Amino acid sequence: MRFYYSSQIAPLSSQAESNLKVVIDIPQSSELEDFFVLFYRLKSKKGLFGPNLVLFVKLIGGNQVGEKSAFDLPEPAKTESQLFEIASDLMDEGFGSFERCLLCSKMLNGDITKARDVLSNLMIVEAS
């Protein structure tokens, strides 16, 4: 996977705003699962600053790892209310804000086991 960063952030003065553009090139024969999480920290000469930036990415299309059986049916999509309930449960379990838990559960179509794993790994990375 290749990442290309392009921004106009460096010349900003205090309280100014700008866009950060990230282009992600995912090879066709990727060994990724059907999702990944990007984690960014902003750093200056004085050290880290600002909030951590987290991007939940759900891959759609030909990025399946391994072969699926013809008998493997796709998981039916969860309803919005089911995703909200799962996100609320994850938040109550201490995995972060409701918004973060909701984005993660949407990325994983409500798979709470995978969501716990992703969110706990994200918490470990943030703490280091």
N, C-alpha and C. Protein backbone atom coordinates (compact mmCIF):
# COMPACT_ATOMS: atom_id res chain seq x y z
N MET A 1 0.84 -1.16 0.00
CA MET A 1 0.00 0.00 0.00
C MET A 1 0.90 1.23 0.00
N ARG A 2 0.53 2.23 -0.77
CA ARG A 2 1.29 3.47 -0.84
C ARG A 2 0.43 4.63 -0.36
N PHE A 3 1.05 5.52 0.36
CA PHE A 3 0.35 6.71 0.85
C PHE A 3 1.04 7.94 0.27
N TYR A 4 0.25 8.89 -0.18
CA TYR A 4 0.77 10.15 -0.69
C TYR A 4 0.14 11.28 0.12
N TYR A 5 0.97 12.09 0.72
CA TYR A 5 0.46 13.18 1.54
C TYR A 5 0.65 14.50 0.81
N SER A 6 -0.36 15.30 0.81
CA SER A 6 -0.30 16.61 0.18
C SER A 6 -1.12 17.57 1.02
N SER A 7 -0.48 18.58 1.54
CA SER A 7 -1.24 19.52 2.35
C SER A 7 -0.63 20.91 2.28
N GLN A 8 -1.39 21.86 2.74
CA GLN A 8 -0.94 23.23 2.87
C GLN A 8 -0.92 23.62 4.35
N ILE A 9 -0.78 22.62 5.23
CA ILE A 9 -0.87 22.87 6.67
C ILE A 9 0.37 23.59 7.20
N ALA A 10 1.55 23.25 6.72
CA ALA A 10 2.79 23.77 7.27
C ALA A 10 2.83 25.29 7.38
N PRO A 11 2.41 26.06 6.36
CA PRO A 11 2.53 27.51 6.48
C PRO A 11 1.41 28.19 7.26
N LEU A 12 0.58 27.45 7.94
CA LEU A 12 -0.56 28.05 8.64
C LEU A 12 -0.14 28.84 9.86
N SER A 13 -0.85 29.92 10.09
CA SER A 13 -0.65 30.67 11.32
C SER A 13 -1.64 30.13 12.36
N SER A 14 -1.51 30.57 13.58
CA SER A 14 -2.38 30.11 14.66
C SER A 14 -3.85 30.36 14.32
N GLN A 15 -4.72 29.39 14.62
CA GLN A 15 -6.16 29.45 14.41
C GLN A 15 -6.59 29.43 12.93
N ALA A 16 -5.66 29.20 12.01
CA ALA A 16 -6.00 29.14 10.59
C ALA A 16 -6.41 27.72 10.23
N GLU A 17 -7.07 27.55 9.08
CA GLU A 17 -7.54 26.24 8.64
C GLU A 17 -7.00 25.93 7.25
N SER A 18 -6.86 24.63 6.96
CA SER A 18 -6.45 24.19 5.64
C SER A 18 -6.90 22.75 5.46
N ASN A 19 -6.72 22.22 4.26
CA ASN A 19 -7.09 20.83 3.96
C ASN A 19 -5.87 19.94 3.96
N LEU A 20 -6.07 18.71 4.39
CA LEU A 20 -5.05 17.68 4.33
C LEU A 20 -5.57 16.64 3.35
N LYS A 21 -4.82 16.39 2.29
CA LYS A 21 -5.23 15.41 1.28
C LYS A 21 -4.35 14.19 1.39
N VAL A 22 -4.98 13.02 1.45
CA VAL A 22 -4.26 11.76 1.51
C VAL A 22 -4.79 10.87 0.40
N VAL A 23 -3.92 10.45 -0.49
CA VAL A 23 -4.29 9.54 -1.57
C VAL A 23 -3.73 8.18 -1.20
N ILE A 24 -4.58 7.16 -1.21
CA ILE A 24 -4.17 5.81 -0.83
C ILE A 24 -4.29 4.91 -2.05
N ASP A 25 -3.18 4.32 -2.45
CA ASP A 25 -3.16 3.42 -3.60
C ASP A 25 -3.16 1.99 -3.07
N ILE A 26 -4.24 1.26 -3.30
CA ILE A 26 -4.37 -0.11 -2.82
C ILE A 26 -4.20 -1.05 -4.00
N PRO A 27 -3.14 -1.88 -4.00
CA PRO A 27 -2.93 -2.79 -5.12
C PRO A 27 -4.08 -3.79 -5.26
N GLN A 28 -4.34 -4.21 -6.49
CA GLN A 28 -5.43 -5.16 -6.75
C GLN A 28 -5.23 -6.46 -5.98
N SER A 29 -4.00 -6.93 -5.88
CA SER A 29 -3.73 -8.19 -5.19
C SER A 29 -3.37 -7.93 -3.73
N SER A 30 -4.14 -7.10 -3.11
CA SER A 30 -3.88 -6.70 -1.73
C SER A 30 -4.12 -7.85 -0.76
N GLU A 31 -3.30 -7.89 0.29
CA GLU A 31 -3.49 -8.89 1.34
C GLU A 31 -4.28 -8.32 2.51
N LEU A 32 -4.90 -7.18 2.28
CA LEU A 32 -5.75 -6.59 3.31
C LEU A 32 -7.03 -7.37 3.45
N GLU A 33 -7.62 -7.27 4.62
CA GLU A 33 -8.97 -7.81 4.77
C GLU A 33 -9.92 -6.84 4.08
N ASP A 34 -11.17 -6.86 4.44
CA ASP A 34 -12.12 -5.96 3.80
C ASP A 34 -12.22 -4.61 4.50
N PHE A 35 -11.26 -4.31 5.39
CA PHE A 35 -11.23 -3.02 6.06
C PHE A 35 -9.82 -2.74 6.55
N PHE A 36 -9.55 -1.47 6.84
CA PHE A 36 -8.34 -1.10 7.57
C PHE A 36 -8.58 0.22 8.27
N VAL A 37 -7.72 0.53 9.21
CA VAL A 37 -7.84 1.76 10.00
C VAL A 37 -6.54 2.53 9.87
N LEU A 38 -6.64 3.82 9.53
CA LEU A 38 -5.47 4.68 9.48
C LEU A 38 -5.49 5.58 10.71
N PHE A 39 -4.32 5.72 11.32
CA PHE A 39 -4.19 6.50 12.54
C PHE A 39 -3.13 7.56 12.31
N TYR A 40 -3.47 8.82 12.54
CA TYR A 40 -2.53 9.92 12.33
C TYR A 40 -2.36 10.71 13.62
N ARG A 41 -1.12 11.16 13.82
CA ARG A 41 -0.82 12.11 14.89
C ARG A 41 -0.14 13.31 14.25
N LEU A 42 -0.52 14.48 14.67
CA LEU A 42 0.09 15.69 14.15
C LEU A 42 1.30 16.04 15.00
N LYS A 43 2.39 16.37 14.33
CA LYS A 43 3.65 16.61 15.02
C LYS A 43 4.31 17.86 14.48
N SER A 44 4.85 18.65 15.38
CA SER A 44 5.62 19.82 14.99
C SER A 44 7.00 19.71 15.63
N LYS A 45 7.80 20.73 15.47
CA LYS A 45 9.13 20.72 16.10
C LYS A 45 9.02 20.65 17.63
N LYS A 46 7.90 21.16 18.16
CA LYS A 46 7.70 21.18 19.61
C LYS A 46 7.10 19.87 20.13
N GLY A 47 6.70 18.98 19.24
CA GLY A 47 6.13 17.70 19.67
C GLY A 47 4.73 17.49 19.10
N LEU A 48 4.03 16.52 19.65
CA LEU A 48 2.69 16.18 19.19
C LEU A 48 1.70 17.26 19.62
N PHE A 49 0.68 17.49 18.79
CA PHE A 49 -0.35 18.47 19.14
C PHE A 49 -1.66 18.05 18.51
N GLY A 50 -2.74 18.62 19.00
CA GLY A 50 -4.06 18.37 18.44
C GLY A 50 -4.56 16.97 18.72
N PRO A 51 -5.78 16.70 18.28
CA PRO A 51 -6.35 15.37 18.50
C PRO A 51 -5.75 14.34 17.53
N ASN A 52 -5.83 13.09 17.91
CA ASN A 52 -5.45 12.02 17.00
C ASN A 52 -6.50 11.93 15.90
N LEU A 53 -6.09 11.64 14.70
CA LEU A 53 -7.01 11.52 13.57
C LEU A 53 -7.12 10.04 13.21
N VAL A 54 -8.35 9.54 13.17
CA VAL A 54 -8.59 8.13 12.87
C VAL A 54 -9.51 8.05 11.66
N LEU A 55 -9.12 7.22 10.70
CA LEU A 55 -9.92 7.02 9.50
C LEU A 55 -10.26 5.54 9.39
N PHE A 56 -11.56 5.21 9.46
CA PHE A 56 -12.03 3.84 9.28
C PHE A 56 -12.36 3.64 7.81
N VAL A 57 -11.75 2.65 7.16
CA VAL A 57 -11.93 2.43 5.73
C VAL A 57 -12.49 1.03 5.49
N LYS A 58 -13.61 0.97 4.78
CA LYS A 58 -14.21 -0.30 4.40
C LYS A 58 -13.96 -0.49 2.91
N LEU A 59 -13.31 -1.60 2.54
CA LEU A 59 -13.02 -1.88 1.14
C LEU A 59 -14.19 -2.62 0.53
N ILE A 60 -14.59 -2.19 -0.63
CA ILE A 60 -15.70 -2.82 -1.33
C ILE A 60 -15.17 -3.33 -2.67
N GLY A 61 -15.42 -4.59 -2.97
CA GLY A 61 -14.98 -5.12 -4.25
C GLY A 61 -13.97 -6.24 -4.09
N GLY A 62 -13.04 -6.34 -5.02
CA GLY A 62 -12.15 -7.49 -5.15
C GLY A 62 -10.99 -7.56 -4.20
N ASN A 63 -11.14 -7.22 -2.95
CA ASN A 63 -10.05 -7.32 -1.98
C ASN A 63 -10.29 -8.40 -0.95
N GLN A 64 -10.91 -9.49 -1.36
CA GLN A 64 -11.21 -10.58 -0.43
C GLN A 64 -9.98 -11.44 -0.20
N VAL A 65 -9.68 -11.76 1.06
CA VAL A 65 -8.57 -12.62 1.41
C VAL A 65 -9.05 -14.06 1.38
N GLY A 66 -8.34 -14.91 0.67
CA GLY A 66 -8.73 -16.32 0.61
C GLY A 66 -9.94 -16.51 -0.27
N GLU A 67 -10.27 -17.77 -0.51
CA GLU A 67 -11.43 -18.06 -1.36
C GLU A 67 -12.64 -18.35 -0.49
N LYS A 68 -13.77 -17.90 -0.95
CA LYS A 68 -15.02 -18.14 -0.25
C LYS A 68 -15.72 -19.33 -0.89
N SER A 69 -16.39 -20.08 -0.08
CA SER A 69 -17.19 -21.19 -0.57
C SER A 69 -18.45 -20.65 -1.22
N ALA A 70 -18.99 -21.42 -2.16
CA ALA A 70 -20.24 -21.01 -2.80
C ALA A 70 -21.39 -21.01 -1.79
N PHE A 71 -21.19 -21.70 -0.66
CA PHE A 71 -22.23 -21.78 0.36
C PHE A 71 -22.14 -20.64 1.37
N ASP A 72 -21.06 -19.85 1.31
CA ASP A 72 -20.92 -18.70 2.21
C ASP A 72 -21.79 -17.56 1.71
N LEU A 73 -22.85 -17.31 2.42
CA LEU A 73 -23.74 -16.22 2.04
C LEU A 73 -23.27 -14.94 2.71
N PRO A 74 -23.41 -13.81 2.02
CA PRO A 74 -23.00 -12.55 2.65
C PRO A 74 -23.88 -12.25 3.86
N GLU A 75 -23.27 -11.67 4.85
CA GLU A 75 -23.99 -11.26 6.06
C GLU A 75 -24.98 -10.16 5.70
N PRO A 76 -26.25 -10.31 6.07
CA PRO A 76 -27.20 -9.23 5.75
C PRO A 76 -26.80 -7.94 6.47
N ALA A 77 -27.00 -6.83 5.81
CA ALA A 77 -26.62 -5.54 6.38
C ALA A 77 -27.45 -5.25 7.62
N LYS A 78 -26.78 -4.73 8.64
CA LYS A 78 -27.47 -4.35 9.87
C LYS A 78 -28.23 -3.04 9.64
N THR A 79 -29.33 -2.91 10.34
CA THR A 79 -30.10 -1.67 10.25
C THR A 79 -29.39 -0.58 11.05
N GLU A 80 -29.77 0.65 10.78
CA GLU A 80 -29.17 1.78 11.49
C GLU A 80 -29.39 1.65 13.00
N SER A 81 -30.58 1.21 13.41
CA SER A 81 -30.86 1.08 14.84
C SER A 81 -30.01 -0.03 15.47
N GLN A 82 -29.75 -1.11 14.73
CA GLN A 82 -28.88 -2.17 15.26
C GLN A 82 -27.45 -1.66 15.41
N LEU A 83 -26.97 -0.89 14.42
CA LEU A 83 -25.62 -0.33 14.51
C LEU A 83 -25.51 0.65 15.68
N PHE A 84 -26.56 1.44 15.92
CA PHE A 84 -26.56 2.36 17.05
C PHE A 84 -26.51 1.59 18.37
N GLU A 85 -27.24 0.51 18.46
CA GLU A 85 -27.25 -0.31 19.67
C GLU A 85 -25.88 -0.93 19.92
N ILE A 86 -25.25 -1.44 18.87
CA ILE A 86 -23.91 -2.03 19.00
C ILE A 86 -22.91 -0.96 19.42
N ALA A 87 -22.99 0.22 18.80
CA ALA A 87 -22.08 1.31 19.15
C ALA A 87 -22.28 1.73 20.61
N SER A 88 -23.51 1.77 21.05
CA SER A 88 -23.80 2.12 22.44
C SER A 88 -23.20 1.09 23.40
N ASP A 89 -23.33 -0.19 23.05
CA ASP A 89 -22.74 -1.25 23.88
C ASP A 89 -21.22 -1.11 23.94
N LEU A 90 -20.59 -0.84 22.79
CA LEU A 90 -19.13 -0.68 22.74
C LEU A 90 -18.69 0.52 23.58
N MET A 91 -19.44 1.60 23.50
CA MET A 91 -19.12 2.79 24.29
C MET A 91 -19.25 2.48 25.78
N ASP A 92 -20.31 1.77 26.16
CA ASP A 92 -20.51 1.39 27.57
C ASP A 92 -19.40 0.48 28.07
N GLU A 93 -18.81 -0.30 27.16
CA GLU A 93 -17.70 -1.19 27.52
C GLU A 93 -16.36 -0.46 27.58
N GLY A 94 -16.36 0.85 27.26
CA GLY A 94 -15.15 1.66 27.40
C GLY A 94 -14.26 1.71 26.18
N PHE A 95 -14.81 1.47 24.99
CA PHE A 95 -13.99 1.45 23.78
C PHE A 95 -13.90 2.82 23.09
N GLY A 96 -14.38 3.86 23.71
CA GLY A 96 -14.24 5.19 23.13
C GLY A 96 -15.58 5.89 23.01
N SER A 97 -15.55 6.98 22.26
CA SER A 97 -16.75 7.79 22.09
C SER A 97 -17.79 7.04 21.26
N PHE A 98 -19.03 7.50 21.37
CA PHE A 98 -20.11 6.88 20.60
C PHE A 98 -19.83 6.98 19.10
N GLU A 99 -19.36 8.15 18.66
CA GLU A 99 -19.08 8.35 17.23
C GLU A 99 -18.03 7.37 16.72
N ARG A 100 -16.94 7.20 17.48
CA ARG A 100 -15.89 6.26 17.08
C ARG A 100 -16.44 4.83 17.01
N CYS A 101 -17.20 4.44 18.03
CA CYS A 101 -17.77 3.09 18.06
C CYS A 101 -18.76 2.88 16.91
N LEU A 102 -19.53 3.92 16.59
CA LEU A 102 -20.49 3.81 15.49
C LEU A 102 -19.77 3.68 14.15
N LEU A 103 -18.73 4.48 13.92
CA LEU A 103 -17.98 4.38 12.66
C LEU A 103 -17.34 3.00 12.51
N CYS A 104 -16.81 2.48 13.60
CA CYS A 104 -16.19 1.16 13.56
C CYS A 104 -17.24 0.08 13.30
N SER A 105 -18.38 0.16 13.95
CA SER A 105 -19.41 -0.86 13.74
C SER A 105 -19.99 -0.78 12.34
N LYS A 106 -20.06 0.42 11.75
CA LYS A 106 -20.51 0.54 10.36
C LYS A 106 -19.49 -0.10 9.42
N MET A 107 -18.21 0.14 9.69
CA MET A 107 -17.15 -0.42 8.85
C MET A 107 -17.20 -1.94 8.86
N LEU A 108 -17.57 -2.52 10.00
CA LEU A 108 -17.56 -3.97 10.18
C LEU A 108 -18.95 -4.58 10.10
N ASN A 109 -19.92 -3.84 9.61
CA ASN A 109 -21.30 -4.30 9.48
C ASN A 109 -21.84 -4.90 10.78
N GLY A 110 -21.49 -4.28 11.89
CA GLY A 110 -22.05 -4.69 13.16
C GLY A 110 -21.42 -5.91 13.80
N ASP A 111 -20.28 -6.36 13.30
CA ASP A 111 -19.59 -7.50 13.90
C ASP A 111 -18.92 -7.02 15.19
N ILE A 112 -19.58 -7.25 16.31
CA ILE A 112 -19.12 -6.68 17.59
C ILE A 112 -17.80 -7.30 18.04
N THR A 113 -17.55 -8.55 17.70
CA THR A 113 -16.28 -9.19 18.08
C THR A 113 -15.11 -8.53 17.37
N LYS A 114 -15.24 -8.32 16.05
CA LYS A 114 -14.18 -7.64 15.30
C LYS A 114 -14.06 -6.19 15.76
N ALA A 115 -15.17 -5.55 16.06
CA ALA A 115 -15.14 -4.16 16.50
C ALA A 115 -14.38 -4.02 17.82
N ARG A 116 -14.62 -4.94 18.73
CA ARG A 116 -13.87 -4.92 20.00
C ARG A 116 -12.37 -5.05 19.75
N ASP A 117 -12.00 -5.94 18.83
CA ASP A 117 -10.59 -6.16 18.51
C ASP A 117 -9.97 -4.91 17.89
N VAL A 118 -10.65 -4.33 16.90
CA VAL A 118 -10.13 -3.13 16.24
C VAL A 118 -10.02 -1.97 17.22
N LEU A 119 -11.05 -1.74 18.00
CA LEU A 119 -11.04 -0.61 18.93
C LEU A 119 -10.02 -0.80 20.05
N SER A 120 -9.85 -2.04 20.53
CA SER A 120 -8.85 -2.24 21.59
C SER A 120 -7.44 -2.06 21.03
N ASN A 121 -7.19 -2.50 19.80
CA ASN A 121 -5.87 -2.25 19.18
C ASN A 121 -5.65 -0.77 18.95
N LEU A 122 -6.68 -0.05 18.57
CA LEU A 122 -6.57 1.39 18.38
C LEU A 122 -6.25 2.09 19.70
N MET A 123 -6.87 1.64 20.78
CA MET A 123 -6.59 2.22 22.10
C MET A 123 -5.14 1.97 22.51
N ILE A 124 -4.61 0.80 22.19
CA ILE A 124 -3.21 0.47 22.50
C ILE A 124 -2.27 1.38 21.73
N VAL A 125 -2.56 1.59 20.44
CA VAL A 125 -1.72 2.46 19.61
C VAL A 125 -1.77 3.89 20.13
N GLU A 126 -2.95 4.37 20.49
CA GLU A 126 -3.07 5.73 21.00
C GLU A 126 -2.30 5.93 22.31
N ALA A 127 -2.26 4.90 23.13
CA ALA A 127 -1.59 5.01 24.43
C ALA A 127 -0.06 4.98 24.30
N SER A 128 0.43 4.47 23.18
CA SER A 128 1.90 4.37 23.04
C SER A 128 2.51 5.63 22.47
